[in-house]
Amino acid sequence: MTAALIAQNTYREATRDRVLAGMVVAGIALLVVTQIAAPLALGEGTRLTVDLGLSGISMIGLLVVLLVGTSLVAKELERRTIYNLLSRPIGRSSYLVGKWAGLSAALWTVAVVLGVALGCALALRGAHGRMVAVAEATYLAGLELSVVSALAVLFSSLSTPVLSALYTFALYLVGQWSYDLRELAANYPEPLAGLMRGAANVAPNLPLFNMRSLAAAGQPTSPLHLTIATGYALVYVSCVLCLATAAFESKDFK
């Protein structure tokens, strides 16, 4: 129950942040601009709307993680409220899990709001047949943001907000290019090739959550893909939070 209370407070704090509201407004504005520019897309206005709308969900969610999520623990340290929290019978693992859950809930709220806005834009264009694919792509984008938020909580518990943002963004990029890194490693000698493969294996497999191309074509993904992506996200988040807890337990706040 303690983790749930921390998650509730974190969610409330995140949703009250002006950055979050600004990002949501920016996402909706992007959809409006897309509709204005649709006549210039040579008959591909619907595909453009879906592609940019889903890209906006991922990019705006990433910005929220970098601007809000990477300073979650640092803010508590700066305000010295973490000392009051941890002086009570609250485990550090519960504290971190609550922080991740609250941040993830805020990111899911952003994803759902922008996904609904994208659905409304498609309805106005008469593209009702793409709704299922867009809903699935929005769900996968939410899973991706949950994974990235776990990394943000890990680095936030270990370093300063600026360094946490840099580390999180770096792993995000490596995760996006993980397949390319494995292919590129074949062209380099050891130990550089092993280092590249190791980085690709440690970073999250973010292409697993990307179905923008399918959604833009109006093709839903398979239930197996959704199941694998969900299971992978749960396992990866669990491993990252366990690592964060182990590091956070050894941290001295005195």
Protein backbone atom coordinates (compact mmCIF):
# COMPACT_ATOMS: atom_id res chain seq x y z
CA MET A 1 0.00 0.00 0.00
CA THR A 2 2.95 2.30 0.64
CA ALA A 3 4.13 2.05 -2.97
CA ALA A 4 0.57 2.81 -4.12
CA LEU A 5 0.46 5.98 -2.01
CA ILE A 6 3.82 7.14 -3.35
CA ALA A 7 2.63 6.38 -6.88
CA GLN A 8 -0.53 8.40 -6.30
CA ASN A 9 1.43 11.39 -5.00
CA THR A 10 3.95 11.13 -7.85
CA TYR A 11 1.16 10.98 -10.42
CA ARG A 12 -0.54 14.00 -8.88
CA GLU A 13 2.71 15.95 -8.86
CA ALA A 14 3.56 15.00 -12.44
CA THR A 15 0.14 15.88 -13.84
CA ARG A 16 0.25 19.25 -12.12
CA ASP A 17 3.59 20.05 -13.74
CA ARG A 18 3.25 22.68 -16.44
CA VAL A 19 5.69 20.75 -18.60
CA LEU A 20 3.22 17.89 -18.92
CA ALA A 21 0.35 20.16 -19.88
CA GLY A 22 2.58 21.97 -22.37
CA MET A 23 3.60 18.69 -23.99
CA VAL A 24 -0.02 17.58 -24.38
CA VAL A 25 -0.92 20.92 -25.98
CA ALA A 26 2.09 20.59 -28.29
CA GLY A 27 0.96 17.12 -29.34
CA ILE A 28 -2.55 18.31 -30.17
CA ALA A 29 -1.10 21.31 -32.02
CA LEU A 30 1.01 18.90 -34.09
CA LEU A 31 -2.14 17.04 -35.14
CA VAL A 32 -3.81 20.31 -36.12
CA VAL A 33 -0.79 21.34 -38.22
CA THR A 34 -0.81 17.90 -39.82
CA GLN A 35 -4.42 18.37 -40.91
CA ILE A 36 -3.57 21.74 -42.42
CA ALA A 37 -0.62 20.25 -44.31
CA ALA A 38 -2.53 17.10 -45.38
CA PRO A 39 -3.56 18.48 -48.82
CA LEU A 40 0.14 18.77 -49.66
CA ALA A 41 0.72 15.06 -48.98
CA LEU A 42 -0.48 13.99 -52.46
CA GLY A 43 -3.26 11.71 -51.27
CA GLU A 44 -1.30 10.39 -48.28
CA GLY A 45 -2.90 12.70 -45.72
CA THR A 46 -4.26 9.86 -43.59
CA ARG A 47 -0.94 8.02 -43.55
CA LEU A 48 0.81 11.28 -42.64
CA THR A 49 -1.66 11.90 -39.82
CA VAL A 50 -1.12 8.44 -38.32
CA ASP A 51 2.65 8.47 -38.69
CA LEU A 52 3.18 11.94 -37.22
CA GLY A 53 0.52 11.40 -34.54
CA LEU A 54 2.16 8.20 -33.25
CA SER A 55 5.65 9.71 -33.54
CA GLY A 56 4.39 12.65 -31.51
CA ILE A 57 3.21 10.33 -28.72
CA SER A 58 6.64 8.70 -28.46
CA MET A 59 8.65 11.93 -28.72
CA ILE A 60 6.47 13.93 -26.35
CA GLY A 61 6.47 11.07 -23.86
CA LEU A 62 10.27 10.92 -24.08
CA LEU A 63 10.51 14.68 -23.41
CA VAL A 64 8.29 14.27 -20.35
CA VAL A 65 10.57 11.51 -19.08
CA LEU A 66 13.69 13.60 -19.64
CA LEU A 67 12.27 16.81 -18.17
CA VAL A 68 10.20 15.38 -15.31
CA GLY A 69 11.17 11.77 -14.68
CA THR A 70 14.93 12.21 -14.43
CA SER A 71 14.54 14.69 -11.54
CA LEU A 72 12.03 12.71 -9.47
CA VAL A 73 14.43 11.60 -6.75
CA ALA A 74 16.67 14.67 -7.08
CA LYS A 75 13.72 16.93 -6.24
CA GLU A 76 13.03 14.94 -3.10
CA LEU A 77 16.68 15.29 -2.10
CA GLU A 78 16.72 19.00 -2.83
CA ARG A 79 13.57 19.60 -0.80
CA ARG A 80 14.85 17.17 1.84
CA THR A 81 11.43 15.48 1.88
CA ILE A 82 13.05 12.12 1.17
CA TYR A 83 14.53 12.13 4.67
CA ASN A 84 11.05 12.33 6.22
CA LEU A 85 9.76 9.59 3.94
CA LEU A 86 12.58 7.13 4.48
CA SER A 87 12.61 7.75 8.25
CA ARG A 88 9.20 6.07 8.31
CA PRO A 89 8.65 2.33 7.81
CA ILE A 90 8.92 2.70 4.03
CA GLY A 91 11.24 0.44 2.11
CA ARG A 92 13.47 2.02 -0.48
CA SER A 93 12.24 -0.52 -3.00
CA SER A 94 8.64 0.59 -2.36
CA TYR A 95 9.73 4.20 -2.77
CA LEU A 96 11.32 3.58 -6.19
CA VAL A 97 8.49 1.35 -7.41
CA GLY A 98 5.99 4.01 -6.36
CA LYS A 99 7.95 6.70 -8.20
CA TRP A 100 8.07 4.58 -11.36
CA ALA A 101 4.39 3.65 -11.17
CA GLY A 102 3.32 7.28 -10.70
CA LEU A 103 5.49 8.50 -13.57
CA SER A 104 4.32 5.66 -15.82
CA ALA A 105 0.68 6.45 -15.03
CA ALA A 106 1.28 10.07 -16.04
CA LEU A 107 2.92 8.93 -19.29
CA TRP A 108 0.04 6.56 -20.03
CA THR A 109 -2.33 9.49 -19.48
CA VAL A 110 -0.40 11.51 -22.07
CA ALA A 111 -0.40 8.57 -24.50
CA VAL A 112 -4.14 7.96 -24.11
CA VAL A 113 -5.05 11.64 -24.48
CA LEU A 114 -2.96 12.03 -27.62
CA GLY A 115 -4.17 8.67 -28.93
CA VAL A 116 -7.79 9.77 -28.52
CA ALA A 117 -6.97 13.07 -30.25
CA LEU A 118 -5.41 11.11 -33.12
CA GLY A 119 -8.50 8.91 -33.29
CA CYS A 120 -10.71 12.00 -33.50
CA ALA A 121 -8.55 13.38 -36.31
CA LEU A 122 -8.89 10.11 -38.22
CA ALA A 123 -12.65 10.04 -37.63
CA LEU A 124 -12.93 13.51 -39.16
CA ARG A 125 -11.05 12.20 -42.18
CA GLY A 126 -13.37 9.18 -42.40
CA ALA A 127 -10.55 6.71 -41.75
CA HIS A 128 -12.47 4.56 -39.26
CA GLY A 129 -10.76 1.38 -40.47
CA ARG A 130 -7.44 2.40 -38.91
CA MET A 131 -8.76 2.81 -35.38
CA VAL A 132 -7.76 -0.69 -34.21
CA ALA A 133 -4.21 -0.34 -35.54
CA VAL A 134 -3.85 3.11 -33.95
CA ALA A 135 -5.13 1.80 -30.60
CA GLU A 136 -2.59 -1.05 -30.69
CA ALA A 137 0.23 1.32 -31.66
CA THR A 138 -0.73 3.66 -28.81
CA TYR A 139 -0.66 0.74 -26.38
CA LEU A 140 2.82 -0.26 -27.56
CA ALA A 141 3.97 3.36 -27.26
CA GLY A 142 2.74 3.35 -23.66
CA LEU A 143 4.78 0.20 -22.97
CA GLU A 144 7.84 1.82 -24.51
CA LEU A 145 7.46 4.88 -22.28
CA SER A 146 7.05 2.66 -19.22
CA VAL A 147 10.37 0.98 -20.03
CA VAL A 148 12.13 4.32 -20.57
CA SER A 149 10.65 5.71 -17.34
CA ALA A 150 12.19 2.78 -15.43
CA LEU A 151 15.60 3.79 -16.77
CA ALA A 152 14.91 7.39 -15.75
CA VAL A 153 14.09 6.29 -12.19
CA LEU A 154 17.27 4.18 -12.08
CA PHE A 155 19.53 7.04 -13.12
CA SER A 156 17.61 9.59 -11.07
CA SER A 157 18.33 7.58 -7.94
CA LEU A 158 22.05 7.53 -8.70
CA SER A 159 22.96 10.86 -10.27
CA THR A 160 22.03 14.48 -10.90
CA PRO A 161 19.06 15.43 -13.12
CA VAL A 162 21.28 16.55 -16.02
CA LEU A 163 23.38 13.39 -16.03
CA SER A 164 20.26 11.25 -15.52
CA ALA A 165 18.68 12.83 -18.60
CA LEU A 166 21.85 12.24 -20.64
CA TYR A 167 22.15 8.60 -19.57
CA THR A 168 18.46 7.93 -20.20
CA PHE A 169 18.56 9.57 -23.63
CA ALA A 170 21.73 7.68 -24.56
CA LEU A 171 20.18 4.31 -23.68
CA TYR A 172 17.03 5.32 -25.54
CA LEU A 173 19.07 5.96 -28.70
CA VAL A 174 21.01 2.71 -28.31
CA GLY A 175 17.72 0.88 -27.80
CA GLN A 176 16.26 2.39 -30.97
CA TRP A 177 19.32 1.33 -32.96
CA SER A 178 19.87 -2.03 -31.24
CA TYR A 179 19.25 -4.08 -34.39
CA ASP A 180 21.58 -1.86 -36.45
CA LEU A 181 24.28 -2.12 -33.78
CA ARG A 182 24.21 -5.92 -33.92
CA GLU A 183 24.53 -5.86 -37.72
CA LEU A 184 27.25 -3.22 -37.56
CA ALA A 185 29.21 -5.25 -35.00
CA ALA A 186 29.82 -7.92 -37.64
CA ASN A 187 32.01 -5.43 -39.54
CA TYR A 188 34.34 -4.69 -36.62
CA PRO A 189 37.00 -6.81 -34.90
CA GLU A 190 36.87 -7.95 -31.30
CA PRO A 191 36.68 -6.60 -28.64
CA LEU A 192 34.88 -3.63 -30.23
CA ALA A 193 32.31 -5.92 -31.82
CA GLY A 194 31.61 -7.57 -28.47
CA LEU A 195 31.24 -4.16 -26.83
CA MET A 196 28.71 -3.09 -29.46
CA ARG A 197 26.73 -6.32 -29.10
CA GLY A 198 26.81 -5.97 -25.32
CA ALA A 199 25.45 -2.41 -25.52
CA ALA A 200 22.68 -3.57 -27.86
CA ASN A 201 21.76 -6.42 -25.50
CA VAL A 202 21.72 -4.29 -22.34
CA ALA A 203 19.71 -1.46 -23.88
CA PRO A 204 15.94 -1.95 -24.21
CA ASN A 205 14.70 -3.50 -27.44
CA LEU A 206 12.61 -0.47 -28.40
CA PRO A 207 11.91 -1.47 -32.04
CA LEU A 208 9.67 -4.16 -30.54
CA PHE A 209 7.24 -1.40 -29.54
CA ASN A 210 7.28 0.39 -32.89
CA MET A 211 4.37 -0.38 -35.22
CA ARG A 212 3.97 3.05 -36.80
CA SER A 213 4.47 1.68 -40.31
CA LEU A 214 1.78 -0.96 -39.83
CA ALA A 215 -0.64 1.52 -38.29
CA ALA A 216 -0.02 4.06 -41.06
CA ALA A 217 -0.98 1.34 -43.55
CA GLY A 218 -4.05 0.46 -41.49
CA GLN A 219 -2.77 -3.03 -40.61
CA PRO A 220 -3.21 -4.24 -37.01
CA THR A 221 -0.47 -6.33 -35.44
CA SER A 222 -0.84 -9.89 -34.15
CA PRO A 223 -1.93 -10.86 -30.61
CA LEU A 224 1.39 -12.70 -30.29
CA HIS A 225 3.31 -9.46 -30.90
CA LEU A 226 1.27 -7.65 -28.27
CA THR A 227 1.80 -10.49 -25.78
CA ILE A 228 5.55 -10.66 -26.37
CA ALA A 229 5.89 -6.87 -26.11
CA THR A 230 3.91 -6.81 -22.86
CA GLY A 231 5.94 -9.63 -21.33
CA TYR A 232 9.22 -8.09 -22.42
CA ALA A 233 8.27 -4.71 -20.92
CA LEU A 234 7.32 -6.33 -17.60
CA VAL A 235 10.55 -8.33 -17.39
CA TYR A 236 12.79 -5.42 -18.43
CA VAL A 237 11.12 -2.96 -16.05
CA SER A 238 11.39 -5.49 -13.21
CA CYS A 239 15.11 -6.01 -13.85
CA VAL A 240 15.80 -2.26 -14.03
CA LEU A 241 13.86 -1.55 -10.84
CA CYS A 242 15.66 -4.38 -9.03
CA LEU A 243 18.98 -2.88 -10.10
CA ALA A 244 17.82 0.58 -9.01
CA THR A 245 16.74 -0.78 -5.64
CA ALA A 246 20.08 -2.53 -5.09
CA ALA A 247 21.97 0.69 -5.86
CA PHE A 248 19.56 2.86 -3.87
CA GLU A 249 19.79 0.62 -0.79
CA SER A 250 23.52 1.29 -0.56
CA LYS A 251 23.15 5.06 -0.91
CA ASP A 252 23.86 7.07 2.23
CA PHE A 253 21.66 10.14 2.76
CA LYS A 254 23.37 11.31 5.92
